[in-house]
Every structure is written in C-alpha cells, then in structure tokens.
N, C-alpha and C. Protein backbone atom coordinates (compact mmCIF):
# COMPACT_ATOMS: atom_id res chain seq x y z
N MET A 1 16.29 -16.14 0.38
CA MET A 1 15.50 -15.62 -0.84
C MET A 1 14.52 -16.79 -0.99
N GLY A 2 13.36 -16.60 -1.57
CA GLY A 2 12.32 -17.60 -1.74
C GLY A 2 11.72 -17.21 -3.13
N ALA A 3 10.81 -17.92 -3.59
CA ALA A 3 10.03 -17.67 -4.80
C ALA A 3 9.08 -16.54 -4.40
N LYS A 4 8.88 -15.53 -5.32
CA LYS A 4 7.95 -14.47 -5.04
C LYS A 4 6.39 -14.82 -4.73
N ASN A 5 6.04 -15.97 -5.15
CA ASN A 5 4.71 -16.51 -4.89
C ASN A 5 4.57 -17.18 -3.60
N THR A 6 5.55 -17.47 -2.92
CA THR A 6 5.55 -18.21 -1.73
C THR A 6 6.22 -17.44 -0.59
N ALA A 7 7.01 -16.50 -0.77
CA ALA A 7 7.67 -15.78 0.23
C ALA A 7 6.81 -14.98 0.97
N ASN A 8 7.25 -14.65 2.19
CA ASN A 8 6.60 -13.79 3.32
C ASN A 8 6.87 -12.47 2.80
N SER A 9 5.81 -11.57 2.68
CA SER A 9 5.88 -10.22 2.20
C SER A 9 5.75 -9.15 3.29
N SER A 10 5.70 -9.61 4.74
CA SER A 10 5.48 -8.72 5.83
C SER A 10 6.57 -7.92 6.01
N ASP A 11 7.85 -8.26 5.56
CA ASP A 11 8.98 -7.39 6.08
C ASP A 11 9.57 -6.62 4.87
N MET A 12 9.30 -6.89 3.58
CA MET A 12 9.76 -6.17 2.36
C MET A 12 8.85 -6.64 1.16
N HIS A 13 9.04 -5.93 0.14
CA HIS A 13 8.34 -6.11 -1.16
C HIS A 13 8.84 -7.44 -1.84
N ARG A 14 8.06 -8.28 -2.30
CA ARG A 14 8.40 -9.48 -2.93
C ARG A 14 8.15 -9.53 -4.59
N ASP A 15 7.52 -8.43 -4.95
CA ASP A 15 7.19 -8.18 -6.43
C ASP A 15 7.52 -6.67 -6.74
N ASP A 16 7.16 -6.42 -8.10
CA ASP A 16 7.46 -5.01 -8.59
C ASP A 16 6.71 -3.94 -7.89
N ILE A 17 7.20 -2.76 -7.47
CA ILE A 17 6.56 -1.73 -6.93
C ILE A 17 6.02 -0.93 -7.96
N LEU A 18 4.68 -0.65 -7.86
CA LEU A 18 3.97 0.20 -8.86
C LEU A 18 3.64 1.61 -8.41
N SER A 19 3.57 1.73 -7.19
CA SER A 19 3.16 3.15 -6.52
C SER A 19 3.92 3.48 -5.32
N LEU A 20 4.20 4.89 -5.18
CA LEU A 20 5.00 5.37 -4.23
C LEU A 20 4.56 6.69 -3.87
N ASP A 21 4.65 7.17 -2.56
CA ASP A 21 4.32 8.49 -2.05
C ASP A 21 5.27 8.97 -0.96
N ILE A 22 5.53 10.13 -0.90
CA ILE A 22 6.51 10.72 0.22
C ILE A 22 5.61 11.74 0.95
N SER A 23 5.73 11.64 2.28
CA SER A 23 5.01 12.63 3.21
C SER A 23 5.33 13.97 2.82
N GLN A 24 4.76 15.03 3.35
CA GLN A 24 5.10 16.40 3.11
C GLN A 24 6.40 16.78 3.91
N ASP A 25 6.62 16.14 4.95
CA ASP A 25 7.73 16.52 5.77
C ASP A 25 9.04 15.59 5.31
N ARG A 26 8.76 14.71 4.44
CA ARG A 26 9.81 13.74 3.82
C ARG A 26 10.39 12.87 4.77
N LYS A 27 9.57 12.46 5.80
CA LYS A 27 9.96 11.52 6.84
C LYS A 27 9.43 10.10 6.68
N ILE A 28 8.44 10.06 5.89
CA ILE A 28 7.63 8.80 5.62
C ILE A 28 7.51 8.58 4.08
N ILE A 29 7.73 7.24 3.82
CA ILE A 29 7.57 6.82 2.48
C ILE A 29 6.60 5.51 2.46
N VAL A 30 5.64 5.65 1.50
CA VAL A 30 4.70 4.50 1.27
C VAL A 30 4.79 3.96 -0.01
N THR A 31 4.99 2.68 -0.13
CA THR A 31 5.10 1.93 -1.39
C THR A 31 4.03 0.75 -1.51
N GLY A 32 3.67 0.49 -2.86
CA GLY A 32 2.68 -0.49 -3.07
C GLY A 32 3.15 -1.46 -4.19
N GLN A 33 2.97 -2.71 -4.10
CA GLN A 33 3.32 -3.62 -5.08
C GLN A 33 2.19 -4.42 -5.77
N VAL A 34 2.68 -5.09 -6.92
CA VAL A 34 1.86 -5.71 -7.79
C VAL A 34 1.97 -7.26 -7.38
N GLY A 35 1.05 -8.05 -7.75
CA GLY A 35 1.19 -9.59 -7.41
C GLY A 35 -0.12 -10.25 -7.07
N ASN A 36 0.11 -11.59 -6.71
CA ASN A 36 -1.10 -12.29 -5.99
C ASN A 36 -1.46 -11.88 -4.73
N THR A 37 -0.55 -11.35 -3.97
CA THR A 37 -0.79 -10.87 -2.59
C THR A 37 -0.10 -9.45 -2.50
N PRO A 38 -0.76 -8.53 -3.14
CA PRO A 38 -0.25 -7.13 -3.05
C PRO A 38 -0.13 -6.64 -1.68
N SER A 39 0.80 -5.88 -1.42
CA SER A 39 0.93 -5.26 -0.02
C SER A 39 1.59 -3.93 -0.28
N VAL A 40 1.21 -3.13 0.83
CA VAL A 40 1.62 -1.79 1.02
C VAL A 40 2.62 -1.52 2.26
N HIS A 41 3.70 -0.90 2.08
CA HIS A 41 4.64 -0.89 3.02
C HIS A 41 4.86 0.71 3.43
N VAL A 42 5.00 0.99 4.78
CA VAL A 42 5.33 2.43 5.14
C VAL A 42 6.63 2.27 5.82
N TRP A 43 7.37 3.26 5.26
CA TRP A 43 8.87 3.34 5.76
C TRP A 43 9.23 4.65 6.27
N ASN A 44 10.24 4.61 7.26
CA ASN A 44 10.82 5.72 7.80
C ASN A 44 11.99 6.09 6.88
N ALA A 45 11.75 7.28 6.27
CA ALA A 45 12.81 7.69 5.31
C ALA A 45 14.22 8.12 5.79
N GLU A 46 14.16 8.27 7.18
CA GLU A 46 15.60 8.77 7.80
C GLU A 46 16.31 7.65 8.10
N ASN A 47 15.78 6.44 8.59
CA ASN A 47 16.66 5.31 8.90
C ASN A 47 16.34 3.94 8.06
N CYS A 48 15.46 4.08 7.03
CA CYS A 48 14.88 3.06 6.12
C CYS A 48 14.35 1.91 6.88
N GLU A 49 13.69 2.14 8.08
CA GLU A 49 13.16 0.94 8.89
C GLU A 49 11.46 0.89 8.56
N GLN A 50 10.92 -0.23 8.44
CA GLN A 50 9.65 -0.29 8.22
C GLN A 50 8.85 0.07 9.38
N ILE A 51 7.78 0.91 9.15
CA ILE A 51 6.77 1.28 10.32
C ILE A 51 5.78 0.38 10.31
N PHE A 52 5.18 0.02 9.22
CA PHE A 52 3.80 -0.71 9.16
C PHE A 52 3.74 -1.33 7.70
N SER A 53 3.21 -2.41 7.67
CA SER A 53 2.69 -3.11 6.28
C SER A 53 1.43 -3.71 6.37
N PHE A 54 0.65 -3.81 5.19
CA PHE A 54 -0.59 -4.64 5.27
C PHE A 54 -0.73 -5.10 3.84
N GLU A 55 -1.43 -6.26 3.62
CA GLU A 55 -1.70 -6.82 2.42
C GLU A 55 -3.08 -6.54 2.14
N LEU A 56 -3.45 -6.37 0.88
CA LEU A 56 -4.78 -6.12 0.38
C LEU A 56 -5.56 -7.52 0.21
N THR A 57 -6.83 -7.40 0.11
CA THR A 57 -7.65 -8.58 0.13
C THR A 57 -7.33 -9.35 -1.30
N ALA A 58 -7.72 -10.69 -1.18
CA ALA A 58 -7.57 -11.57 -2.31
C ALA A 58 -8.33 -10.97 -3.53
N GLY A 59 -7.77 -11.10 -4.72
CA GLY A 59 -8.21 -10.62 -5.84
C GLY A 59 -7.84 -9.06 -6.21
N SER A 60 -7.17 -8.43 -5.48
CA SER A 60 -6.68 -7.04 -5.68
C SER A 60 -5.80 -6.92 -6.84
N ARG A 61 -5.00 -7.95 -7.09
CA ARG A 61 -3.90 -7.93 -8.24
C ARG A 61 -2.73 -6.94 -8.16
N GLY A 62 -2.87 -5.82 -7.33
CA GLY A 62 -1.82 -4.81 -7.26
C GLY A 62 -2.36 -3.57 -6.65
N VAL A 63 -1.36 -2.85 -6.30
CA VAL A 63 -1.54 -1.36 -5.73
C VAL A 63 -1.45 -0.50 -6.79
N GLU A 64 -2.53 0.26 -7.34
CA GLU A 64 -2.45 0.97 -8.45
C GLU A 64 -2.15 2.46 -7.97
N SER A 65 -2.43 2.77 -6.93
CA SER A 65 -2.22 4.15 -6.34
C SER A 65 -2.16 4.18 -4.85
N VAL A 66 -1.12 4.85 -4.23
CA VAL A 66 -1.02 4.90 -2.86
C VAL A 66 -0.78 6.38 -2.43
N SER A 67 -1.19 6.84 -1.24
CA SER A 67 -1.11 8.21 -0.86
C SER A 67 -0.94 8.22 0.61
N ILE A 68 -0.20 9.12 1.18
CA ILE A 68 -0.12 9.30 2.61
C ILE A 68 -0.77 10.71 3.00
N SER A 69 -1.57 10.80 4.00
CA SER A 69 -2.15 12.00 4.35
C SER A 69 -1.10 13.11 4.87
N PRO A 70 -1.66 14.45 4.81
CA PRO A 70 -0.74 15.50 5.14
C PRO A 70 -0.20 15.44 6.55
N CYS A 71 -0.98 14.87 7.41
CA CYS A 71 -0.55 14.64 9.01
C CYS A 71 0.33 13.47 9.19
N GLY A 72 0.40 12.61 8.19
CA GLY A 72 1.24 11.31 8.09
C GLY A 72 0.66 10.22 9.11
N ARG A 73 -0.78 10.34 9.17
CA ARG A 73 -1.29 9.32 10.19
C ARG A 73 -2.08 8.27 9.28
N TYR A 74 -2.52 8.49 8.09
CA TYR A 74 -3.36 7.74 7.28
C TYR A 74 -2.75 7.36 5.96
N VAL A 75 -2.87 6.27 5.50
CA VAL A 75 -2.67 5.75 4.11
C VAL A 75 -3.74 5.28 3.36
N ALA A 76 -3.97 5.75 2.16
CA ALA A 76 -4.97 5.43 1.27
C ALA A 76 -4.40 4.59 0.01
N CYS A 77 -5.03 3.62 -0.43
CA CYS A 77 -4.56 2.95 -1.56
C CYS A 77 -5.71 2.51 -2.44
N VAL A 78 -5.60 2.43 -3.64
CA VAL A 78 -6.49 1.85 -4.69
C VAL A 78 -5.86 0.51 -5.21
N ASP A 79 -6.63 -0.57 -5.39
CA ASP A 79 -6.23 -1.73 -5.92
C ASP A 79 -6.35 -1.95 -7.39
N GLN A 80 -5.94 -2.81 -8.12
CA GLN A 80 -6.13 -3.01 -9.56
C GLN A 80 -7.31 -4.10 -9.85
N ASN A 81 -8.08 -4.35 -8.79
CA ASN A 81 -9.27 -5.16 -9.05
C ASN A 81 -10.13 -4.46 -9.90
N ASN A 82 -11.12 -5.17 -10.79
CA ASN A 82 -11.97 -4.64 -11.75
C ASN A 82 -12.77 -3.42 -11.09
N ASN A 83 -13.09 -3.50 -9.89
CA ASN A 83 -13.81 -2.54 -9.10
C ASN A 83 -13.14 -1.49 -8.46
N HIS A 84 -11.75 -1.59 -8.42
CA HIS A 84 -10.83 -0.65 -7.96
C HIS A 84 -11.24 -0.15 -6.62
N TYR A 85 -11.05 -1.10 -5.53
CA TYR A 85 -11.36 -0.89 -4.22
C TYR A 85 -10.36 0.19 -3.54
N VAL A 86 -10.90 0.86 -2.68
CA VAL A 86 -10.14 2.03 -2.04
C VAL A 86 -10.08 1.46 -0.44
N THR A 87 -8.91 1.54 0.04
CA THR A 87 -8.61 1.02 1.38
C THR A 87 -7.79 2.17 2.03
N ILE A 88 -8.37 2.58 3.35
CA ILE A 88 -7.69 3.48 4.23
C ILE A 88 -7.17 2.98 5.42
N TYR A 89 -5.97 3.10 5.91
CA TYR A 89 -5.49 2.52 7.04
C TYR A 89 -4.93 3.68 8.02
N ASN A 90 -5.03 3.39 9.40
CA ASN A 90 -4.46 4.39 10.34
C ASN A 90 -3.07 3.73 10.65
N ILE A 91 -2.07 4.33 10.33
CA ILE A 91 -0.83 3.74 10.60
C ILE A 91 -0.49 3.67 12.08
N GLN A 92 -0.75 4.66 12.80
CA GLN A 92 -0.38 4.64 14.22
C GLN A 92 -1.14 3.51 15.06
N ARG A 93 -2.50 3.28 14.72
CA ARG A 93 -3.25 2.35 15.37
C ARG A 93 -3.14 0.99 14.62
N GLN A 94 -2.38 1.01 13.35
CA GLN A 94 -2.19 -0.20 12.56
C GLN A 94 -3.68 -0.94 12.49
N LYS A 95 -4.64 -0.25 11.99
CA LYS A 95 -5.99 -0.62 11.72
C LYS A 95 -6.69 -0.02 10.48
N GLN A 96 -7.43 -0.92 9.97
CA GLN A 96 -8.18 -0.50 8.61
C GLN A 96 -9.30 0.15 9.01
N LEU A 97 -9.43 1.37 8.32
CA LEU A 97 -10.62 2.31 8.59
C LEU A 97 -11.72 2.12 7.49
N LEU A 98 -11.37 1.92 6.23
CA LEU A 98 -12.31 1.94 5.14
C LEU A 98 -11.79 0.94 4.13
N HIS A 99 -12.76 0.23 3.50
CA HIS A 99 -12.46 -0.64 2.32
C HIS A 99 -13.88 -0.56 1.54
N MET A 100 -13.78 0.07 0.35
CA MET A 100 -15.04 0.18 -0.32
C MET A 100 -14.70 0.20 -1.90
N GLU A 101 -15.75 -0.09 -2.68
CA GLU A 101 -15.52 -0.13 -4.11
C GLU A 101 -15.52 1.28 -4.49
N SER A 102 -14.78 1.67 -5.57
CA SER A 102 -14.80 2.96 -6.07
C SER A 102 -15.43 3.14 -7.46
N SER A 103 -14.79 2.36 -8.50
CA SER A 103 -15.23 2.72 -9.89
C SER A 103 -14.76 1.52 -10.71
N LYS A 104 -15.39 1.32 -11.90
CA LYS A 104 -14.90 0.39 -12.84
C LYS A 104 -13.90 1.08 -13.71
N ASP A 105 -13.80 2.30 -13.75
CA ASP A 105 -12.64 3.15 -14.27
C ASP A 105 -11.56 3.13 -13.51
N ALA A 106 -10.25 3.04 -14.18
CA ALA A 106 -9.06 3.15 -13.56
C ALA A 106 -8.83 4.43 -12.69
N VAL A 107 -8.30 4.24 -11.44
CA VAL A 107 -8.12 5.30 -10.57
C VAL A 107 -6.49 5.62 -10.50
N MET A 108 -6.02 6.72 -11.07
CA MET A 108 -4.79 6.80 -11.32
C MET A 108 -3.92 7.49 -10.06
N GLY A 109 -4.82 8.32 -9.33
CA GLY A 109 -4.22 9.06 -8.27
C GLY A 109 -5.23 8.98 -7.18
N ILE A 110 -4.74 9.11 -5.81
CA ILE A 110 -5.70 9.19 -4.75
C ILE A 110 -5.15 10.26 -3.74
C-alpha cells in the first residue's frame, strides 16, 4: 500500500470510483476514478482480471462518465475538466482513437 497521490494506478484504482458501466453481454466492466491522475480500468467480469487500463491527461480531475460500446471493443469516457474532454479507446488494440473537447456543461452520460 502507498499514498494514493504517489502509488501506481496501472493495476488497480487508487482513488474513489465515480463511474461504472457493464457490457450488454455482462462479461466486461469499465470503471473510472477521480483524482490527480484519473484512470479508466476495463475488467473481465467472469474472472475479475484486468483487461486494459489507461490514464487521462493532466488536468482531467476525474472520470465523470464512462461507457462501453455494444460490441465490447470501444470505451468512451468524459473527464471532469472544465471543457469536459471526451476520450475513446479501442480496447483490443489498446490505442486511443479520439480525444476532443465536448462542452462547458457537465456531461452526465455518454
């Protein structure tokens, strides 16, 4: 265990989980946390193993909303930055596909 502001967040959450989504087939869970280095984690619901994780850019302050696509291939999230950036990742390729500003208004669902 370490302090949440210095611990590695690549293998698990180190702060409060603000958002969660479950795939339509109930096999994948996506969670997002708040903090100085907010991260999104993708989990296998059947064996509780992590499939993929990524950290949001500096200044994000937290993951306000997270969603997994119906096909289970993509994860979308919105951060708590004043500009509420939307980020989309391809889980299988472990690659960021999109990062763009959305709105000054809070985005409660994606």
